[in-house]
């Protein structure tokens, strides 16, 4: 069983569940995958292009805001814990 945690955020890969501060969150598949990848790579800055490749399964030939939109909605769903996802200006995101 694989469980990941970042502060008060807990993610169970097998059960496909996420808790923030003990509260269950309902995430879309892409939001869950995005959070999982960020948590698995805690402390490492992942570029938007790398996240597109890992979460959506394709390389970005054009600039896209897909990652930014998903990070924004993920932060909203995490509520007061949303700031666990850090923006590294001009590069990407990290936890």
C-alpha atoms as a PDB file:
ATOM      1  CA  UNK A   1       0.000   0.000   0.000  1.00  0.00           C
ATOM      2  CA  UNK A   2       1.458   3.328  -1.041  1.00  0.00           C
ATOM      3  CA  UNK A   3       0.630   6.406   1.009  1.00  0.00           C
ATOM      4  CA  UNK A   4       2.139   9.812   0.489  1.00  0.00           C
ATOM      5  CA  UNK A   5       1.995  12.798   2.795  1.00  0.00           C
ATOM      6  CA  UNK A   6       2.936  16.450   2.665  1.00  0.00           C
ATOM      7  CA  UNK A   7       2.159  18.180   5.925  1.00  0.00           C
ATOM      8  CA  UNK A   8      -1.531  17.579   6.630  1.00  0.00           C
ATOM      9  CA  UNK A   9      -2.217  16.287   3.115  1.00  0.00           C
ATOM     10  CA  UNK A  10      -2.406  12.515   2.810  1.00  0.00           C
ATOM     11  CA  UNK A  11      -2.798  10.603  -0.438  1.00  0.00           C
ATOM     12  CA  UNK A  12      -3.471   6.868  -0.734  1.00  0.00           C
ATOM     13  CA  UNK A  13      -2.530   5.695  -4.227  1.00  0.00           C
ATOM     14  CA  UNK A  14      -4.318   2.328  -4.082  1.00  0.00           C
ATOM     15  CA  UNK A  15      -7.544   3.624  -2.555  1.00  0.00           C
ATOM     16  CA  UNK A  16      -7.415   6.771  -4.704  1.00  0.00           C
ATOM     17  CA  UNK A  17      -8.214   8.963  -1.689  1.00  0.00           C
ATOM     18  CA  UNK A  18      -6.931  12.334  -0.555  1.00  0.00           C
ATOM     19  CA  UNK A  19      -7.355  13.937   2.851  1.00  0.00           C
ATOM     20  CA  UNK A  20      -6.410  17.481   3.793  1.00  0.00           C
ATOM     21  CA  UNK A  21      -6.457  18.205   7.501  1.00  0.00           C
ATOM     22  CA  UNK A  22      -8.481  15.028   8.019  1.00  0.00           C
ATOM     23  CA  UNK A  23     -11.162  16.057   5.512  1.00  0.00           C
ATOM     24  CA  UNK A  24     -11.772  13.864   2.446  1.00  0.00           C
ATOM     25  CA  UNK A  25     -11.404  15.666  -0.880  1.00  0.00           C
ATOM     26  CA  UNK A  26     -13.087  14.855  -4.172  1.00  0.00           C
ATOM     27  CA  UNK A  27     -10.546  15.246  -6.962  1.00  0.00           C
ATOM     28  CA  UNK A  28     -10.764  14.527 -10.660  1.00  0.00           C
ATOM     29  CA  UNK A  29      -8.419  11.884 -12.040  1.00  0.00           C
ATOM     30  CA  UNK A  30      -6.044  14.518 -13.438  1.00  0.00           C
ATOM     31  CA  UNK A  31      -6.034  16.519 -10.195  1.00  0.00           C
ATOM     32  CA  UNK A  32      -5.265  13.326  -8.270  1.00  0.00           C
ATOM     33  CA  UNK A  33      -2.434  12.393 -10.655  1.00  0.00           C
ATOM     34  CA  UNK A  34      -1.014  15.914 -10.534  1.00  0.00           C
ATOM     35  CA  UNK A  35      -1.006  15.896  -6.735  1.00  0.00           C
ATOM     36  CA  UNK A  36       0.464  12.377  -6.638  1.00  0.00           C
ATOM     37  CA  UNK A  37       3.333  13.294  -8.955  1.00  0.00           C
ATOM     38  CA  UNK A  38       4.095  16.493  -7.047  1.00  0.00           C
ATOM     39  CA  UNK A  39       4.070  14.574  -3.750  1.00  0.00           C
ATOM     40  CA  UNK A  40       6.244  11.755  -5.118  1.00  0.00           C
ATOM     41  CA  UNK A  41       8.754  14.401  -6.188  1.00  0.00           C
ATOM     42  CA  UNK A  42       8.570  16.518  -3.027  1.00  0.00           C
ATOM     43  CA  UNK A  43      11.237  19.214  -2.956  1.00  0.00           C
ATOM     44  CA  UNK A  44      11.875  18.942  -6.703  1.00  0.00           C
ATOM     45  CA  UNK A  45      10.683  21.651  -9.086  1.00  0.00           C
ATOM     46  CA  UNK A  46       8.787  20.093 -11.983  1.00  0.00           C
ATOM     47  CA  UNK A  47       8.389  22.150 -15.144  1.00  0.00           C
ATOM     48  CA  UNK A  48       4.999  22.547 -16.795  1.00  0.00           C
ATOM     49  CA  UNK A  49       6.308  20.528 -19.732  1.00  0.00           C
ATOM     50  CA  UNK A  50       7.395  17.662 -17.458  1.00  0.00           C
ATOM     51  CA  UNK A  51       4.043  17.700 -15.654  1.00  0.00           C
ATOM     52  CA  UNK A  52       2.226  17.594 -19.001  1.00  0.00           C
ATOM     53  CA  UNK A  53       4.288  14.568 -19.944  1.00  0.00           C
ATOM     54  CA  UNK A  54       3.791  12.768 -16.612  1.00  0.00           C
ATOM     55  CA  UNK A  55       0.116  13.582 -15.989  1.00  0.00           C
ATOM     56  CA  UNK A  56      -1.344  13.897 -19.477  1.00  0.00           C
ATOM     57  CA  UNK A  57       1.086  11.604 -21.282  1.00  0.00           C
ATOM     58  CA  UNK A  58       2.289  13.914 -24.011  1.00  0.00           C
ATOM     59  CA  UNK A  59       5.085  16.308 -24.712  1.00  0.00           C
ATOM     60  CA  UNK A  60       4.118  19.927 -25.114  1.00  0.00           C
ATOM     61  CA  UNK A  61       4.959  21.286 -28.539  1.00  0.00           C
ATOM     62  CA  UNK A  62       3.072  24.485 -27.804  1.00  0.00           C
ATOM     63  CA  UNK A  63       2.684  26.563 -24.679  1.00  0.00           C
ATOM     64  CA  UNK A  64      -0.351  25.497 -22.715  1.00  0.00           C
ATOM     65  CA  UNK A  65      -2.001  26.659 -19.516  1.00  0.00           C
ATOM     66  CA  UNK A  66      -3.552  23.268 -18.796  1.00  0.00           C
ATOM     67  CA  UNK A  67      -1.169  22.666 -15.902  1.00  0.00           C
ATOM     68  CA  UNK A  68      -1.753  26.148 -14.464  1.00  0.00           C
ATOM     69  CA  UNK A  69      -5.531  25.701 -14.559  1.00  0.00           C
ATOM     70  CA  UNK A  70      -5.338  22.303 -12.850  1.00  0.00           C
ATOM     71  CA  UNK A  71      -2.946  23.609 -10.194  1.00  0.00           C
ATOM     72  CA  UNK A  72      -5.310  26.504  -9.503  1.00  0.00           C
ATOM     73  CA  UNK A  73      -8.349  24.226  -9.081  1.00  0.00           C
ATOM     74  CA  UNK A  74      -6.302  21.767  -7.013  1.00  0.00           C
ATOM     75  CA  UNK A  75      -5.229  24.596  -4.702  1.00  0.00           C
ATOM     76  CA  UNK A  76      -8.858  25.675  -4.363  1.00  0.00           C
ATOM     77  CA  UNK A  77      -9.916  22.147  -3.420  1.00  0.00           C
ATOM     78  CA  UNK A  78      -7.086  21.908  -0.885  1.00  0.00           C
ATOM     79  CA  UNK A  79      -8.492  25.082   0.686  1.00  0.00           C
ATOM     80  CA  UNK A  80      -6.303  26.584   3.382  1.00  0.00           C
ATOM     81  CA  UNK A  81      -3.673  23.922   2.633  1.00  0.00           C
ATOM     82  CA  UNK A  82      -3.416  24.892  -1.040  1.00  0.00           C
ATOM     83  CA  UNK A  83      -0.210  26.817  -0.438  1.00  0.00           C
ATOM     84  CA  UNK A  84       1.613  23.483  -0.051  1.00  0.00           C
ATOM     85  CA  UNK A  85       1.944  23.695  -3.858  1.00  0.00           C
ATOM     86  CA  UNK A  86       4.580  26.318  -4.560  1.00  0.00           C
ATOM     87  CA  UNK A  87       4.945  28.170  -7.845  1.00  0.00           C
ATOM     88  CA  UNK A  88       8.543  28.584  -8.971  1.00  0.00           C
ATOM     89  CA  UNK A  89       8.213  31.531 -11.301  1.00  0.00           C
ATOM     90  CA  UNK A  90       9.228  30.833 -14.872  1.00  0.00           C
ATOM     91  CA  UNK A  91       9.928  27.165 -14.141  1.00  0.00           C
ATOM     92  CA  UNK A  92       7.012  25.201 -12.703  1.00  0.00           C
ATOM     93  CA  UNK A  93       5.685  23.817  -9.434  1.00  0.00           C
ATOM     94  CA  UNK A  94       6.775  21.860  -6.381  1.00  0.00           C
ATOM     95  CA  UNK A  95       5.576  20.579  -3.038  1.00  0.00           C
END
